[in-house]
Amino acid sequence: MPANSFAMEKFLSDRVNELRAVTWPTRKQAIHSMITVITIMLLVGLGLTLTDSLLNQIILNLL
């Protein structure tokens, strides 16, 4: 077996072992995190939209 092939096999084997050692979140934890992220994204988007609209109105009134 060529050295590169052995190195690749070892590399992939190490990655699989690493993934087995990971503590994966439960379904409930994953859903909770997803809802939290989406809520924050919506709030930031709303804040940016309101700020943009307000600044747009201020600039239009100055012109």
N, C-alpha and C. Protein backbone atom coordinates (compact mmCIF):
# COMPACT_ATOMS: atom_id res chain seq x y z
N MET A 1 0.85 -1.17 0.00
CA MET A 1 0.00 0.00 0.00
C MET A 1 0.90 1.24 0.00
N PRO A 2 0.66 2.20 -0.89
CA PRO A 2 1.48 3.40 -0.94
C PRO A 2 1.33 4.23 0.35
N ALA A 3 2.34 5.02 0.65
CA ALA A 3 2.36 5.82 1.87
C ALA A 3 1.19 6.80 1.91
N ASN A 4 0.86 7.42 0.78
CA ASN A 4 -0.25 8.38 0.75
C ASN A 4 -1.58 7.71 1.06
N SER A 5 -1.76 6.51 0.57
CA SER A 5 -3.00 5.77 0.82
C SER A 5 -3.13 5.44 2.31
N PHE A 6 -2.03 5.02 2.92
CA PHE A 6 -2.04 4.72 4.36
C PHE A 6 -2.32 5.98 5.17
N ALA A 7 -1.71 7.08 4.77
CA ALA A 7 -1.91 8.34 5.49
C ALA A 7 -3.37 8.78 5.39
N MET A 8 -3.98 8.63 4.23
CA MET A 8 -5.38 9.01 4.05
C MET A 8 -6.28 8.11 4.89
N GLU A 9 -5.99 6.80 4.90
CA GLU A 9 -6.78 5.86 5.69
C GLU A 9 -6.70 6.21 7.18
N LYS A 10 -5.50 6.53 7.65
CA LYS A 10 -5.31 6.91 9.05
C LYS A 10 -6.05 8.20 9.36
N PHE A 11 -5.96 9.16 8.45
CA PHE A 11 -6.64 10.43 8.62
C PHE A 11 -8.14 10.22 8.77
N LEU A 12 -8.74 9.45 7.86
CA LEU A 12 -10.18 9.20 7.90
C LEU A 12 -10.58 8.42 9.16
N SER A 13 -9.76 7.47 9.54
CA SER A 13 -10.02 6.69 10.74
C SER A 13 -10.01 7.59 11.97
N ASP A 14 -9.05 8.49 12.03
CA ASP A 14 -8.97 9.44 13.15
C ASP A 14 -10.20 10.34 13.20
N ARG A 15 -10.69 10.78 12.03
CA ARG A 15 -11.88 11.65 11.99
C ARG A 15 -13.11 10.90 12.50
N VAL A 16 -13.25 9.65 12.09
CA VAL A 16 -14.39 8.84 12.54
C VAL A 16 -14.34 8.67 14.06
N ASN A 17 -13.16 8.39 14.60
CA ASN A 17 -13.01 8.25 16.05
C ASN A 17 -13.33 9.55 16.77
N GLU A 18 -12.95 10.69 16.19
CA GLU A 18 -13.25 12.00 16.77
C GLU A 18 -14.76 12.21 16.81
N LEU A 19 -15.44 11.87 15.71
CA LEU A 19 -16.89 12.07 15.65
C LEU A 19 -17.62 11.18 16.66
N ARG A 20 -17.08 10.02 16.93
CA ARG A 20 -17.69 9.14 17.94
C ARG A 20 -17.56 9.72 19.34
N ALA A 21 -16.52 10.53 19.57
CA ALA A 21 -16.27 11.10 20.89
C ALA A 21 -17.10 12.36 21.14
N VAL A 22 -17.72 12.90 20.10
CA VAL A 22 -18.50 14.13 20.24
C VAL A 22 -19.77 13.85 21.04
N THR A 23 -20.11 14.77 21.93
CA THR A 23 -21.38 14.69 22.64
C THR A 23 -22.39 15.49 21.83
N TRP A 24 -23.24 14.78 21.10
CA TRP A 24 -24.21 15.42 20.23
C TRP A 24 -25.39 15.91 21.05
N PRO A 25 -25.99 17.06 20.66
CA PRO A 25 -27.15 17.56 21.40
C PRO A 25 -28.37 16.66 21.16
N THR A 26 -29.25 16.66 22.14
CA THR A 26 -30.50 15.92 21.98
C THR A 26 -31.38 16.68 20.99
N ARG A 27 -32.43 16.03 20.54
CA ARG A 27 -33.37 16.68 19.62
C ARG A 27 -33.96 17.93 20.26
N LYS A 28 -34.32 17.82 21.53
CA LYS A 28 -34.92 18.94 22.25
C LYS A 28 -33.94 20.12 22.33
N GLN A 29 -32.67 19.84 22.62
CA GLN A 29 -31.65 20.89 22.69
C GLN A 29 -31.44 21.55 21.33
N ALA A 30 -31.42 20.75 20.28
CA ALA A 30 -31.20 21.27 18.93
C ALA A 30 -32.37 22.18 18.52
N ILE A 31 -33.60 21.75 18.81
CA ILE A 31 -34.77 22.56 18.47
C ILE A 31 -34.77 23.86 19.26
N HIS A 32 -34.44 23.79 20.55
CA HIS A 32 -34.38 24.98 21.38
C HIS A 32 -33.34 25.96 20.84
N SER A 33 -32.18 25.47 20.48
CA SER A 33 -31.13 26.33 19.93
C SER A 33 -31.56 26.95 18.61
N MET A 34 -32.22 26.17 17.78
CA MET A 34 -32.68 26.66 16.49
C MET A 34 -33.71 27.78 16.68
N ILE A 35 -34.65 27.59 17.59
CA ILE A 35 -35.67 28.61 17.84
C ILE A 35 -35.02 29.87 18.39
N THR A 36 -34.04 29.72 19.26
CA THR A 36 -33.33 30.88 19.81
C THR A 36 -32.63 31.66 18.71
N VAL A 37 -31.93 30.97 17.84
CA VAL A 37 -31.19 31.63 16.75
C VAL A 37 -32.15 32.34 15.81
N ILE A 38 -33.23 31.68 15.42
CA ILE A 38 -34.20 32.30 14.50
C ILE A 38 -34.84 33.53 15.14
N THR A 39 -35.17 33.46 16.44
CA THR A 39 -35.77 34.60 17.13
C THR A 39 -34.81 35.78 17.15
N ILE A 40 -33.56 35.53 17.48
CA ILE A 40 -32.57 36.61 17.51
C ILE A 40 -32.39 37.20 16.12
N MET A 41 -32.34 36.35 15.09
CA MET A 41 -32.20 36.84 13.72
C MET A 41 -33.37 37.75 13.34
N LEU A 42 -34.58 37.34 13.69
CA LEU A 42 -35.76 38.15 13.37
C LEU A 42 -35.73 39.49 14.11
N LEU A 43 -35.34 39.47 15.39
CA LEU A 43 -35.27 40.71 16.16
C LEU A 43 -34.20 41.66 15.61
N VAL A 44 -33.05 41.14 15.26
CA VAL A 44 -31.99 41.97 14.68
C VAL A 44 -32.44 42.51 13.33
N GLY A 45 -33.07 41.68 12.51
CA GLY A 45 -33.58 42.13 11.21
C GLY A 45 -34.61 43.22 11.37
N LEU A 46 -35.51 43.07 12.33
CA LEU A 46 -36.53 44.09 12.58
C LEU A 46 -35.88 45.38 13.05
N GLY A 47 -34.91 45.27 13.94
CA GLY A 47 -34.20 46.46 14.42
C GLY A 47 -33.48 47.18 13.30
N LEU A 48 -32.81 46.43 12.43
CA LEU A 48 -32.12 47.05 11.30
C LEU A 48 -33.09 47.71 10.33
N THR A 49 -34.23 47.06 10.09
CA THR A 49 -35.24 47.62 9.20
C THR A 49 -35.79 48.92 9.76
N LEU A 50 -36.12 48.92 11.05
CA LEU A 50 -36.65 50.15 11.66
C LEU A 50 -35.61 51.27 11.66
N THR A 51 -34.36 50.94 11.96
CA THR A 51 -33.29 51.94 11.94
C THR A 51 -33.11 52.51 10.54
N ASP A 52 -33.12 51.65 9.54
CA ASP A 52 -32.97 52.09 8.16
C ASP A 52 -34.12 53.00 7.75
N SER A 53 -35.34 52.62 8.10
CA SER A 53 -36.51 53.44 7.75
C SER A 53 -36.45 54.79 8.44
N LEU A 54 -36.08 54.80 9.71
CA LEU A 54 -35.98 56.05 10.46
C LEU A 54 -34.92 56.97 9.86
N LEU A 55 -33.75 56.42 9.59
CA LEU A 55 -32.69 57.24 9.00
C LEU A 55 -33.05 57.72 7.61
N ASN A 56 -33.75 56.89 6.85
CA ASN A 56 -34.20 57.27 5.52
C ASN A 56 -35.15 58.46 5.60
N GLN A 57 -36.10 58.41 6.53
CA GLN A 57 -37.04 59.51 6.70
C GLN A 57 -36.34 60.80 7.15
N ILE A 58 -35.37 60.66 8.03
CA ILE A 58 -34.62 61.84 8.50
C ILE A 58 -33.87 62.47 7.34
N ILE A 59 -33.21 61.67 6.54
CA ILE A 59 -32.46 62.20 5.39
C ILE A 59 -33.39 62.83 4.37
N LEU A 60 -34.55 62.20 4.08
CA LEU A 60 -35.49 62.76 3.11
C LEU A 60 -36.07 64.09 3.60
N ASN A 61 -36.28 64.23 4.90
CA ASN A 61 -36.81 65.49 5.45
C ASN A 61 -35.76 66.58 5.42
N LEU A 62 -34.47 66.21 5.48
CA LEU A 62 -33.41 67.22 5.42
C LEU A 62 -33.21 67.75 4.00
N LEU A 63 -33.56 66.95 3.02
CA LEU A 63 -33.34 67.36 1.62
C LEU A 63 -34.48 68.18 1.13
